[in-house]
PDB file of N, CA and C in Angstrom:
ATOM      1  N   MET A   1    -102.705 108.314   2.826  1.00  0.00           N
ATOM      2  CA  MET A   1    -102.980 107.249   1.902  1.00  0.00           C
ATOM      3  C   MET A   1    -101.715 107.014   1.070  1.00  0.00           C
ATOM      4  N   LYS A   2    -101.196 105.811   1.127  1.00  0.00           N
ATOM      5  CA  LYS A   2     -99.979 105.476   0.391  1.00  0.00           C
ATOM      6  C   LYS A   2    -100.346 104.988  -1.005  1.00  0.00           C
ATOM      7  N   LEU A   3     -99.867 105.711  -2.032  1.00  0.00           N
ATOM      8  CA  LEU A   3    -100.178 105.368  -3.411  1.00  0.00           C
ATOM      9  C   LEU A   3     -99.134 104.449  -4.040  1.00  0.00           C
ATOM     10  N   LEU A   4     -97.876 104.629  -3.671  1.00  0.00           N
ATOM     11  CA  LEU A   4     -96.786 103.803  -4.203  1.00  0.00           C
ATOM     12  C   LEU A   4     -95.975 103.252  -3.036  1.00  0.00           C
ATOM     13  N   LYS A   5     -95.631 101.979  -3.140  1.00  0.00           N
ATOM     14  CA  LYS A   5     -94.793 101.418  -2.080  1.00  0.00           C
ATOM     15  C   LYS A   5     -93.807 100.423  -2.671  1.00  0.00           C
ATOM     16  N   ILE A   6     -92.729 100.225  -1.931  1.00  0.00           N
ATOM     17  CA  ILE A   6     -91.710  99.241  -2.290  1.00  0.00           C
ATOM     18  C   ILE A   6     -91.724  98.174  -1.214  1.00  0.00           C
ATOM     19  N   GLU A   7     -91.855  96.933  -1.661  1.00  0.00           N
ATOM     20  CA  GLU A   7     -91.936  95.813  -0.724  1.00  0.00           C
ATOM     21  C   GLU A   7     -91.409  94.562  -1.413  1.00  0.00           C
ATOM     22  N   ASP A   8     -90.653  93.762  -0.703  1.00  0.00           N
ATOM     23  CA  ASP A   8     -90.113  92.502  -1.247  1.00  0.00           C
ATOM     24  C   ASP A   8     -89.385  92.722  -2.572  1.00  0.00           C
ATOM     25  N   SER A   9     -88.585  93.780  -2.650  1.00  0.00           N
ATOM     26  CA  SER A   9     -87.768  94.128  -3.813  1.00  0.00           C
ATOM     27  C   SER A   9     -88.578  94.503  -5.050  1.00  0.00           C
ATOM     28  N   GLY A  10     -89.882  94.776  -4.894  1.00  0.00           N
ATOM     29  CA  GLY A  10     -90.730  95.154  -6.022  1.00  0.00           C
ATOM     30  C   GLY A  10     -91.502  96.423  -5.732  1.00  0.00           C
ATOM     31  N   GLY A  11     -91.980  97.044  -6.799  1.00  0.00           N
ATOM     32  CA  GLY A  11     -92.785  98.251  -6.669  1.00  0.00           C
ATOM     33  C   GLY A  11     -94.262  97.934  -6.828  1.00  0.00           C
ATOM     34  N   TYR A  12     -95.092  98.634  -6.064  1.00  0.00           N
ATOM     35  CA  TYR A  12     -96.536  98.382  -6.072  1.00  0.00           C
ATOM     36  C   TYR A  12     -97.292  99.702  -6.055  1.00  0.00           C
ATOM     37  N   PHE A  13     -98.483  99.700  -6.647  1.00  0.00           N
ATOM     38  CA  PHE A  13     -99.360 100.863  -6.637  1.00  0.00           C
ATOM     39  C   PHE A  13    -100.693 100.487  -6.015  1.00  0.00           C
ATOM     40  N   LEU A  14    -101.371 101.467  -5.452  1.00  0.00           N
ATOM     41  CA  LEU A  14    -102.668 101.253  -4.835  1.00  0.00           C
ATOM     42  C   LEU A  14    -103.702 101.038  -5.932  1.00  0.00           C
ATOM     43  N   SER A  15    -104.319  99.870  -5.938  1.00  0.00           N
ATOM     44  CA  SER A  15    -105.278  99.536  -6.993  1.00  0.00           C
ATOM     45  C   SER A  15    -106.669 100.039  -6.631  1.00  0.00           C
ATOM     46  N   GLU A  16    -107.583  99.909  -7.569  1.00  0.00           N
ATOM     47  CA  GLU A  16    -108.971 100.341  -7.372  1.00  0.00           C
ATOM     48  C   GLU A  16    -109.638  99.580  -6.232  1.00  0.00           C
ATOM     49  N   LYS A  17    -109.217  98.328  -6.034  1.00  0.00           N
ATOM     50  CA  LYS A  17    -109.800  97.487  -4.990  1.00  0.00           C
ATOM     51  C   LYS A  17    -109.290  97.846  -3.589  1.00  0.00           C
ATOM     52  N   GLY A  18    -108.262  98.699  -3.529  1.00  0.00           N
ATOM     53  CA  GLY A  18    -107.717  99.093  -2.232  1.00  0.00           C
ATOM     54  C   GLY A  18    -106.524  98.263  -1.798  1.00  0.00           C
ATOM     55  N   ASP A  19    -106.140  97.282  -2.629  1.00  0.00           N
ATOM     56  CA  ASP A  19    -104.935  96.518  -2.322  1.00  0.00           C
ATOM     57  C   ASP A  19    -103.814  97.028  -3.230  1.00  0.00           C
ATOM     58  N   TYR A  20    -102.653  96.431  -3.118  1.00  0.00           N
ATOM     59  CA  TYR A  20    -101.513  96.867  -3.914  1.00  0.00           C
ATOM     60  C   TYR A  20    -101.238  95.863  -5.016  1.00  0.00           C
ATOM     61  N   SER A  21    -101.046  96.395  -6.228  1.00  0.00           N
ATOM     62  CA  SER A  21    -100.746  95.571  -7.395  1.00  0.00           C
ATOM     63  C   SER A  21     -99.348  95.893  -7.894  1.00  0.00           C
ATOM     64  N   SER A  22     -98.748  94.931  -8.553  1.00  0.00           N
ATOM     65  CA  SER A  22     -97.412  95.092  -9.100  1.00  0.00           C
ATOM     66  C   SER A  22     -97.396  96.210 -10.143  1.00  0.00           C
ATOM     67  N   LEU A  23     -96.334  97.012 -10.129  1.00  0.00           N
ATOM     68  CA  LEU A  23     -96.234  98.143 -11.045  1.00  0.00           C
ATOM     69  C   LEU A  23     -96.281  97.735 -12.513  1.00  0.00           C
ATOM     70  N   ASP A  24     -95.794  96.559 -12.827  1.00  0.00           N
ATOM     71  CA  ASP A  24     -95.796  96.158 -14.235  1.00  0.00           C
ATOM     72  C   ASP A  24     -97.200  95.825 -14.742  1.00  0.00           C
ATOM     73  N   LYS A  25     -98.199  95.875 -13.867  1.00  0.00           N
ATOM     74  CA  LYS A  25     -99.581  95.617 -14.263  1.00  0.00           C
ATOM     75  C   LYS A  25    -100.411  96.899 -14.343  1.00  0.00           C
ATOM     76  N   ILE A  26     -99.774  98.053 -14.153  1.00  0.00           N
ATOM     77  CA  ILE A  26    -100.524  99.309 -14.184  1.00  0.00           C
ATOM     78  C   ILE A  26    -100.950  99.611 -15.617  1.00  0.00           C
ATOM     79  N   ASP A  27    -102.167 100.116 -15.762  1.00  0.00           N
ATOM     80  CA  ASP A  27    -102.691 100.481 -17.072  1.00  0.00           C
ATOM     81  C   ASP A  27    -103.121 101.951 -17.041  1.00  0.00           C
ATOM     82  N   LYS A  28    -103.703 102.396 -18.133  1.00  0.00           N
ATOM     83  CA  LYS A  28    -104.118 103.796 -18.250  1.00  0.00           C
ATOM     84  C   LYS A  28    -105.082 104.196 -17.136  1.00  0.00           C
ATOM     85  N   GLU A  29    -106.052 103.337 -16.847  1.00  0.00           N
ATOM     86  CA  GLU A  29    -107.018 103.648 -15.798  1.00  0.00           C
ATOM     87  C   GLU A  29    -106.346 103.747 -14.433  1.00  0.00           C
ATOM     88  N   GLY A  30    -105.378 102.868 -14.193  1.00  0.00           N
ATOM     89  CA  GLY A  30    -104.642 102.914 -12.935  1.00  0.00           C
ATOM     90  C   GLY A  30    -103.846 104.195 -12.786  1.00  0.00           C
ATOM     91  N   LEU A  31    -103.229 104.633 -13.883  1.00  0.00           N
ATOM     92  CA  LEU A  31    -102.478 105.888 -13.852  1.00  0.00           C
ATOM     93  C   LEU A  31    -103.401 107.068 -13.583  1.00  0.00           C
ATOM     94  N   LEU A  32    -104.528 107.103 -14.290  1.00  0.00           N
ATOM     95  CA  LEU A  32    -105.476 108.204 -14.094  1.00  0.00           C
ATOM     96  C   LEU A  32    -106.022 108.211 -12.671  1.00  0.00           C
ATOM     97  N   ARG A  33    -106.229 107.044 -12.113  1.00  0.00           N
ATOM     98  CA  ARG A  33    -106.718 106.951 -10.739  1.00  0.00           C
ATOM     99  C   ARG A  33    -105.694 107.522  -9.758  1.00  0.00           C
ATOM    100  N   LEU A  34    -104.413 107.198  -9.961  1.00  0.00           N
ATOM    101  CA  LEU A  34    -103.359 107.733  -9.086  1.00  0.00           C
ATOM    102  C   LEU A  34    -103.272 109.257  -9.206  1.00  0.00           C
ATOM    103  N   VAL A  35    -103.406 109.770 -10.417  1.00  0.00           N
ATOM    104  CA  VAL A  35    -103.391 111.223 -10.620  1.00  0.00           C
ATOM    105  C   VAL A  35    -104.576 111.855  -9.896  1.00  0.00           C
ATOM    106  N   GLY A  36    -105.759 111.261 -10.057  1.00  0.00           N
ATOM    107  CA  GLY A  36    -106.949 111.780  -9.386  1.00  0.00           C
ATOM    108  C   GLY A  36    -106.807 111.773  -7.880  1.00  0.00           C
ATOM    109  N   LEU A  37    -106.293 110.686  -7.339  1.00  0.00           N
ATOM    110  CA  LEU A  37    -106.097 110.607  -5.887  1.00  0.00           C
ATOM    111  C   LEU A  37    -105.077 111.637  -5.415  1.00  0.00           C
ATOM    112  N   THR A  38    -104.035 111.837  -6.196  1.00  0.00           N
ATOM    113  CA  THR A  38    -103.011 112.813  -5.842  1.00  0.00           C
ATOM    114  C   THR A  38    -103.609 114.213  -5.766  1.00  0.00           C
ATOM    115  N   LEU A  39    -104.547 114.509  -6.656  1.00  0.00           N
ATOM    116  CA  LEU A  39    -105.164 115.833  -6.669  1.00  0.00           C
ATOM    117  C   LEU A  39    -106.285 115.982  -5.645  1.00  0.00           C
ATOM    118  N   ARG A  40    -107.014 114.905  -5.370  1.00  0.00           N
ATOM    119  CA  ARG A  40    -108.190 114.997  -4.495  1.00  0.00           C
ATOM    120  C   ARG A  40    -107.894 114.787  -3.018  1.00  0.00           C
ATOM    121  N   GLU A  41    -107.051 113.840  -2.707  1.00  0.00           N
ATOM    122  CA  GLU A  41    -106.819 113.475  -1.307  1.00  0.00           C
ATOM    123  C   GLU A  41    -105.967 114.527  -0.597  1.00  0.00           C
ATOM    124  N   PRO A  42    -106.332 114.867   0.643  1.00  0.00           N
ATOM    125  CA  PRO A  42    -105.543 115.864   1.373  1.00  0.00           C
ATOM    126  C   PRO A  42    -104.130 115.386   1.705  1.00  0.00           C
ATOM    127  N   VAL A  43    -103.978 114.092   1.922  1.00  0.00           N
ATOM    128  CA  VAL A  43    -102.657 113.550   2.254  1.00  0.00           C
ATOM    129  C   VAL A  43    -102.424 112.276   1.446  1.00  0.00           C
ATOM    130  N   VAL A  44    -101.353 112.275   0.666  1.00  0.00           N
ATOM    131  CA  VAL A  44    -100.931 111.060  -0.030  1.00  0.00           C
ATOM    132  C   VAL A  44     -99.453 110.840   0.285  1.00  0.00           C
ATOM    133  N   ASP A  45     -99.042 109.589   0.180  1.00  0.00           N
ATOM    134  CA  ASP A  45     -97.681 109.226   0.557  1.00  0.00           C
ATOM    135  C   ASP A  45     -97.114 108.269  -0.481  1.00  0.00           C
ATOM    136  N   PHE A  46     -95.823 108.293  -0.637  1.00  0.00           N
ATOM    137  CA  PHE A  46     -95.110 107.394  -1.540  1.00  0.00           C
ATOM    138  C   PHE A  46     -93.835 106.944  -0.831  1.00  0.00           C
ATOM    139  N   ASP A  47     -93.506 105.676  -0.938  1.00  0.00           N
ATOM    140  CA  ASP A  47     -92.191 105.257  -0.460  1.00  0.00           C
ATOM    141  C   ASP A  47     -91.152 105.935  -1.337  1.00  0.00           C
ATOM    142  N   PRO A  48     -90.072 106.437  -0.753  1.00  0.00           N
ATOM    143  CA  PRO A  48     -89.051 107.087  -1.577  1.00  0.00           C
ATOM    144  C   PRO A  48     -88.394 106.090  -2.522  1.00  0.00           C
ATOM    145  N   TYR A  49     -88.045 106.578  -3.712  1.00  0.00           N
ATOM    146  CA  TYR A  49     -87.391 105.729  -4.697  1.00  0.00           C
ATOM    147  C   TYR A  49     -86.000 105.366  -4.209  1.00  0.00           C
ATOM    148  N   ASP A  50     -85.686 104.073  -4.243  1.00  0.00           N
ATOM    149  CA  ASP A  50     -84.368 103.581  -3.842  1.00  0.00           C
ATOM    150  C   ASP A  50     -84.050 102.352  -4.679  1.00  0.00           C
ATOM    151  N   GLU A  51     -83.154 102.534  -5.639  1.00  0.00           N
ATOM    152  CA  GLU A  51     -82.836 101.423  -6.548  1.00  0.00           C
ATOM    153  C   GLU A  51     -82.122 100.269  -5.845  1.00  0.00           C
ATOM    154  N   LYS A  52     -81.554 100.522  -4.673  1.00  0.00           N
ATOM    155  CA  LYS A  52     -80.915  99.437  -3.929  1.00  0.00           C
ATOM    156  C   LYS A  52     -81.951  98.494  -3.323  1.00  0.00           C
ATOM    157  N   VAL A  53     -83.102  99.037  -2.979  1.00  0.00           N
ATOM    158  CA  VAL A  53     -84.173  98.227  -2.394  1.00  0.00           C
ATOM    159  C   VAL A  53     -85.062  97.641  -3.488  1.00  0.00           C
ATOM    160  N   LEU A  54     -85.250  98.398  -4.557  1.00  0.00           N
ATOM    161  CA  LEU A  54     -86.103  97.998  -5.680  1.00  0.00           C
ATOM    162  C   LEU A  54     -85.225  97.282  -6.704  1.00  0.00           C
ATOM    163  N   LYS A  55     -85.217  95.970  -6.677  1.00  0.00           N
ATOM    164  CA  LYS A  55     -84.287  95.169  -7.472  1.00  0.00           C
ATOM    165  C   LYS A  55     -84.733  94.979  -8.926  1.00  0.00           C
ATOM    166  N   ASN A  56     -86.013  94.877  -9.188  1.00  0.00           N
ATOM    167  CA  ASN A  56     -86.536  94.637 -10.526  1.00  0.00           C
ATOM    168  C   ASN A  56     -86.313  95.881 -11.388  1.00  0.00           C
ATOM    169  N   GLN A  57     -85.589  95.727 -12.512  1.00  0.00           N
ATOM    170  CA  GLN A  57     -85.246  96.882 -13.337  1.00  0.00           C
ATOM    171  C   GLN A  57     -86.471  97.533 -13.969  1.00  0.00           C
ATOM    172  N   ALA A  58     -87.434  96.751 -14.397  1.00  0.00           N
ATOM    173  CA  ALA A  58     -88.658  97.316 -14.969  1.00  0.00           C
ATOM    174  C   ALA A  58     -89.386  98.136 -13.909  1.00  0.00           C
ATOM    175  N   HIS A  59     -89.448  97.617 -12.707  1.00  0.00           N
ATOM    176  CA  HIS A  59     -90.099  98.334 -11.613  1.00  0.00           C
ATOM    177  C   HIS A  59     -89.335  99.609 -11.273  1.00  0.00           C
ATOM    178  N   GLN A  60     -88.007  99.577 -11.373  1.00  0.00           N
ATOM    179  CA  GLN A  60     -87.201 100.762 -11.105  1.00  0.00           C
ATOM    180  C   GLN A  60     -87.579 101.891 -12.060  1.00  0.00           C
ATOM    181  N   ILE A  61     -87.678 101.571 -13.339  1.00  0.00           N
ATOM    182  CA  ILE A  61     -87.994 102.580 -14.353  1.00  0.00           C
ATOM    183  C   ILE A  61     -89.394 103.144 -14.128  1.00  0.00           C
ATOM    184  N   ILE A  62     -90.364 102.272 -13.943  1.00  0.00           N
ATOM    185  CA  ILE A  62     -91.755 102.704 -13.760  1.00  0.00           C
ATOM    186  C   ILE A  62     -91.900 103.485 -12.463  1.00  0.00           C
ATOM    187  N   TYR A  63     -91.361 102.949 -11.377  1.00  0.00           N
ATOM    188  CA  TYR A  63     -91.506 103.588 -10.063  1.00  0.00           C
ATOM    189  C   TYR A  63     -90.859 104.971 -10.059  1.00  0.00           C
ATOM    190  N   LYS A  64     -89.645 105.056 -10.580  1.00  0.00           N
ATOM    191  CA  LYS A  64     -88.926 106.328 -10.584  1.00  0.00           C
ATOM    192  C   LYS A  64     -89.721 107.393 -11.348  1.00  0.00           C
ATOM    193  N   SER A  65     -90.245 107.026 -12.497  1.00  0.00           N
ATOM    194  CA  SER A  65     -91.016 107.967 -13.304  1.00  0.00           C
ATOM    195  C   SER A  65     -92.315 108.372 -12.601  1.00  0.00           C
ATOM    196  N   LEU A  66     -93.066 107.398 -12.122  1.00  0.00           N
ATOM    197  CA  LEU A  66     -94.317 107.697 -11.421  1.00  0.00           C
ATOM    198  C   LEU A  66     -94.074 108.528 -10.167  1.00  0.00           C
ATOM    199  N   PHE A  67     -93.080 108.142  -9.404  1.00  0.00           N
ATOM    200  CA  PHE A  67     -92.749 108.850  -8.168  1.00  0.00           C
ATOM    201  C   PHE A  67     -92.476 110.322  -8.451  1.00  0.00           C
ATOM    202  N   ARG A  68     -91.634 110.588  -9.435  1.00  0.00           N
ATOM    203  CA  ARG A  68     -91.282 111.976  -9.762  1.00  0.00           C
ATOM    204  C   ARG A  68     -92.492 112.765 -10.258  1.00  0.00           C
ATOM    205  N   LYS A  69     -93.262 112.162 -11.154  1.00  0.00           N
ATOM    206  CA  LYS A  69     -94.405 112.874 -11.732  1.00  0.00           C
ATOM    207  C   LYS A  69     -95.503 113.132 -10.698  1.00  0.00           C
ATOM    208  N   LEU A  70     -95.784 112.157  -9.850  1.00  0.00           N
ATOM    209  CA  LEU A  70     -96.818 112.359  -8.832  1.00  0.00           C
ATOM    210  C   LEU A  70     -96.361 113.354  -7.766  1.00  0.00           C
ATOM    211  N   GLN A  71     -95.079 113.318  -7.421  1.00  0.00           N
ATOM    212  CA  GLN A  71     -94.540 114.290  -6.463  1.00  0.00           C
ATOM    213  C   GLN A  71     -94.648 115.702  -7.038  1.00  0.00           C
ATOM    214  N   ASP A  72     -94.289 115.856  -8.320  1.00  0.00           N
ATOM    215  CA  ASP A  72     -94.363 117.157  -8.977  1.00  0.00           C
ATOM    216  C   ASP A  72     -95.809 117.641  -9.052  1.00  0.00           C
ATOM    217  N   LEU A  73     -96.717 116.746  -9.405  1.00  0.00           N
ATOM    218  CA  LEU A  73     -98.135 117.100  -9.459  1.00  0.00           C
ATOM    219  C   LEU A  73     -98.628 117.531  -8.083  1.00  0.00           C
ATOM    220  N   ARG A  74     -98.203 116.832  -7.068  1.00  0.00           N
ATOM    221  CA  ARG A  74     -98.596 117.165  -5.687  1.00  0.00           C
ATOM    222  C   ARG A  74     -98.126 118.565  -5.313  1.00  0.00           C
ATOM    223  N   LYS A  75     -96.900 118.898  -5.729  1.00  0.00           N
ATOM    224  CA  LYS A  75     -96.354 120.226  -5.429  1.00  0.00           C
ATOM    225  C   LYS A  75     -97.102 121.312  -6.186  1.00  0.00           C
ATOM    226  N   ARG A  76     -97.566 120.989  -7.393  1.00  0.00           N
ATOM    227  CA  ARG A  76     -98.271 121.975  -8.224  1.00  0.00           C
ATOM    228  C   ARG A  76     -99.790 121.849  -8.110  1.00  0.00           C
ATOM    229  N   LYS A  77    -100.261 121.126  -7.128  1.00  0.00           N
ATOM    230  CA  LYS A  77    -101.687 120.839  -6.982  1.00  0.00           C
ATOM    231  C   LYS A  77    -102.537 122.106  -6.966  1.00  0.00           C
ATOM    232  N   LYS A  78    -102.188 123.073  -6.153  1.00  0.00           N
ATOM    233  CA  LYS A  78    -102.995 124.287  -6.033  1.00  0.00           C
ATOM    234  C   LYS A  78    -103.070 125.016  -7.366  1.00  0.00           C
ATOM    235  N   ALA A  79    -101.956 125.166  -8.040  1.00  0.00           N
ATOM    236  CA  ALA A  79    -101.954 125.853  -9.337  1.00  0.00           C
ATOM    237  C   ALA A  79    -102.791 125.084 -10.349  1.00  0.00           C
ATOM    238  N   PHE A  80    -102.688 123.763 -10.354  1.00  0.00           N
ATOM    239  CA  PHE A  80    -103.445 122.925 -11.281  1.00  0.00           C
ATOM    240  C   PHE A  80    -104.945 123.045 -11.021  1.00  0.00           C
ATOM    241  N   VAL A  81    -105.354 122.972  -9.770  1.00  0.00           N
ATOM    242  CA  VAL A  81    -106.770 123.068  -9.408  1.00  0.00           C
ATOM    243  C   VAL A  81    -107.299 124.465  -9.727  1.00  0.00           C
ATOM    244  N   ASP A  82    -106.520 125.496  -9.416  1.00  0.00           N
ATOM    245  CA  ASP A  82    -106.942 126.870  -9.716  1.00  0.00           C
ATOM    246  C   ASP A  82    -107.118 127.079 -11.217  1.00  0.00           C
ATOM    247  N   GLU A  83    -106.187 126.571 -12.012  1.00  0.00           N
ATOM    248  CA  GLU A  83    -106.272 126.693 -13.472  1.00  0.00           C
ATOM    249  C   GLU A  83    -107.497 125.966 -14.006  1.00  0.00           C
ATOM    250  N   SER A  84    -107.772 124.779 -13.507  1.00  0.00           N
ATOM    251  CA  SER A  84    -108.948 124.018 -13.933  1.00  0.00           C
ATOM    252  C   SER A  84    -110.227 124.759 -13.575  1.00  0.00           C
ATOM    253  N   ALA A  85    -110.294 125.304 -12.376  1.00  0.00           N
ATOM    254  CA  ALA A  85    -111.476 126.047 -11.949  1.00  0.00           C
ATOM    255  C   ALA A  85    -111.683 127.279 -12.818  1.00  0.00           C
ATOM    256  N   ARG A  86    -110.602 127.955 -13.170  1.00  0.00           N
ATOM    257  CA  ARG A  86    -110.696 129.145 -14.011  1.00  0.00           C
ATOM    258  C   ARG A  86    -111.238 128.784 -15.393  1.00  0.00           C
ATOM    259  N   LEU A  87    -110.780 127.683 -15.958  1.00  0.00           N
ATOM    260  CA  LEU A  87    -111.267 127.256 -17.263  1.00  0.00           C
ATOM    261  C   LEU A  87    -112.755 126.923 -17.217  1.00  0.00           C
ATOM    262  N   PHE A  88    -113.186 126.218 -16.190  1.00  0.00           N
ATOM    263  CA  PHE A  88    -114.599 125.878 -16.061  1.00  0.00           C
ATOM    264  C   PHE A  88    -115.444 127.115 -15.788  1.00  0.00           C
ATOM    265  N   LEU A  89    -114.905 128.073 -15.049  1.00  0.00           N
ATOM    266  CA  LEU A  89    -115.634 129.292 -14.752  1.00  0.00           C
ATOM    267  C   LEU A  89    -115.920 130.065 -16.030  1.00  0.00           C
ATOM    268  N   GLU A  90    -114.940 130.149 -16.913  1.00  0.00           N
ATOM    269  CA  GLU A  90    -115.137 130.844 -18.184  1.00  0.00           C
ATOM    270  C   GLU A  90    -116.261 130.195 -18.987  1.00  0.00           C
ATOM    271  N   ASP A  91    -116.254 128.869 -19.073  1.00  0.00           N
ATOM    272  CA  ASP A  91    -117.316 128.158 -19.796  1.00  0.00           C
ATOM    273  C   ASP A  91    -118.663 128.346 -19.118  1.00  0.00           C
ATOM    274  N   TYR A  92    -118.692 128.264 -17.808  1.00  0.00           N
ATOM    275  CA  TYR A  92    -119.935 128.440 -17.054  1.00  0.00           C
ATOM    276  C   TYR A  92    -120.524 129.823 -17.326  1.00  0.00           C
ATOM    277  N   GLU A  93    -119.684 130.854 -17.246  1.00  0.00           N
ATOM    278  CA  GLU A  93    -120.168 132.214 -17.471  1.00  0.00           C
ATOM    279  C   GLU A  93    -120.666 132.399 -18.901  1.00  0.00           C
ATOM    280  N   LYS A  94    -120.006 131.782 -19.860  1.00  0.00           N
ATOM    281  CA  LYS A  94    -120.428 131.870 -21.256  1.00  0.00           C
ATOM    282  C   LYS A  94    -121.811 131.253 -21.426  1.00  0.00           C
ATOM    283  N   TYR A  95    -121.997 130.040 -20.911  1.00  0.00           N
ATOM    284  CA  TYR A  95    -123.284 129.370 -21.057  1.00  0.00           C
ATOM    285  C   TYR A  95    -124.389 130.051 -20.237  1.00  0.00           C
ATOM    286  N   ARG A  96    -124.024 130.569 -19.097  1.00  0.00           N
ATOM    287  CA  ARG A  96    -124.999 131.296 -18.278  1.00  0.00           C
ATOM    288  C   ARG A  96    -125.493 132.522 -19.024  1.00  0.00           C
ATOM    289  N   ASP A  97    -124.555 133.270 -19.643  1.00  0.00           N
ATOM    290  CA  ASP A  97    -124.932 134.465 -20.397  1.00  0.00           C
ATOM    291  C   ASP A  97    -125.805 134.097 -21.593  1.00  0.00           C
ATOM    292  N   ASP A  98    -125.481 132.985 -22.246  1.00  0.00           N
ATOM    293  CA  ASP A  98    -126.288 132.529 -23.393  1.00  0.00           C
ATOM    294  C   ASP A  98    -127.717 132.176 -22.943  1.00  0.00           C
ATOM    295  N   MET A  99    -127.852 131.594 -21.778  1.00  0.00           N
ATOM    296  CA  MET A  99    -129.166 131.191 -21.263  1.00  0.00           C
ATOM    297  C   MET A  99    -130.000 132.415 -20.880  1.00  0.00           C
ATOM    298  N   LEU A 100    -129.362 133.476 -20.456  1.00  0.00           N
ATOM    299  CA  LEU A 100    -130.074 134.682 -20.020  1.00  0.00           C
ATOM    300  C   LEU A 100    -130.581 135.526 -21.188  1.00  0.00           C
ATOM    301  N   LYS A 101    -130.063 135.274 -22.370  1.00  0.00           N
ATOM    302  CA  LYS A 101    -130.471 136.060 -23.550  1.00  0.00           C
ATOM    303  C   LYS A 101    -131.818 135.649 -24.039  1.00  0.00           C
TER     304      LYS A 101
END
C-alpha cells in the first residue's frame, strides 16, 4: 500500500477515500491515519524523496518530513507496538485485580 507518492512534480498522500490528495491539504486526521496505516499494515510503501522531481517547495518540506518520520516509525514499529501492549497490559491487570476483590 503506497502512502506517499510523487507525481506531476507534486507530493500526494493516500486519503481516507482511497485516492491521493495533495500534500498541502493534509490535516491532523490525515496525519493520524497515515501513522495508523504505517503501524497496522504489513506492507507500506513511499516514493523516495527527490527534490529534483518534487518541484513545489511547500511539498518538498512536507514530503521530506513525513517521509522521514513514517520511515522511522516503520523501522521502530515492533518496539512501538510492544511498548503499547505493555502499557495496556499493566492497566488491564490493575483493573482485573480490582474486579476480583
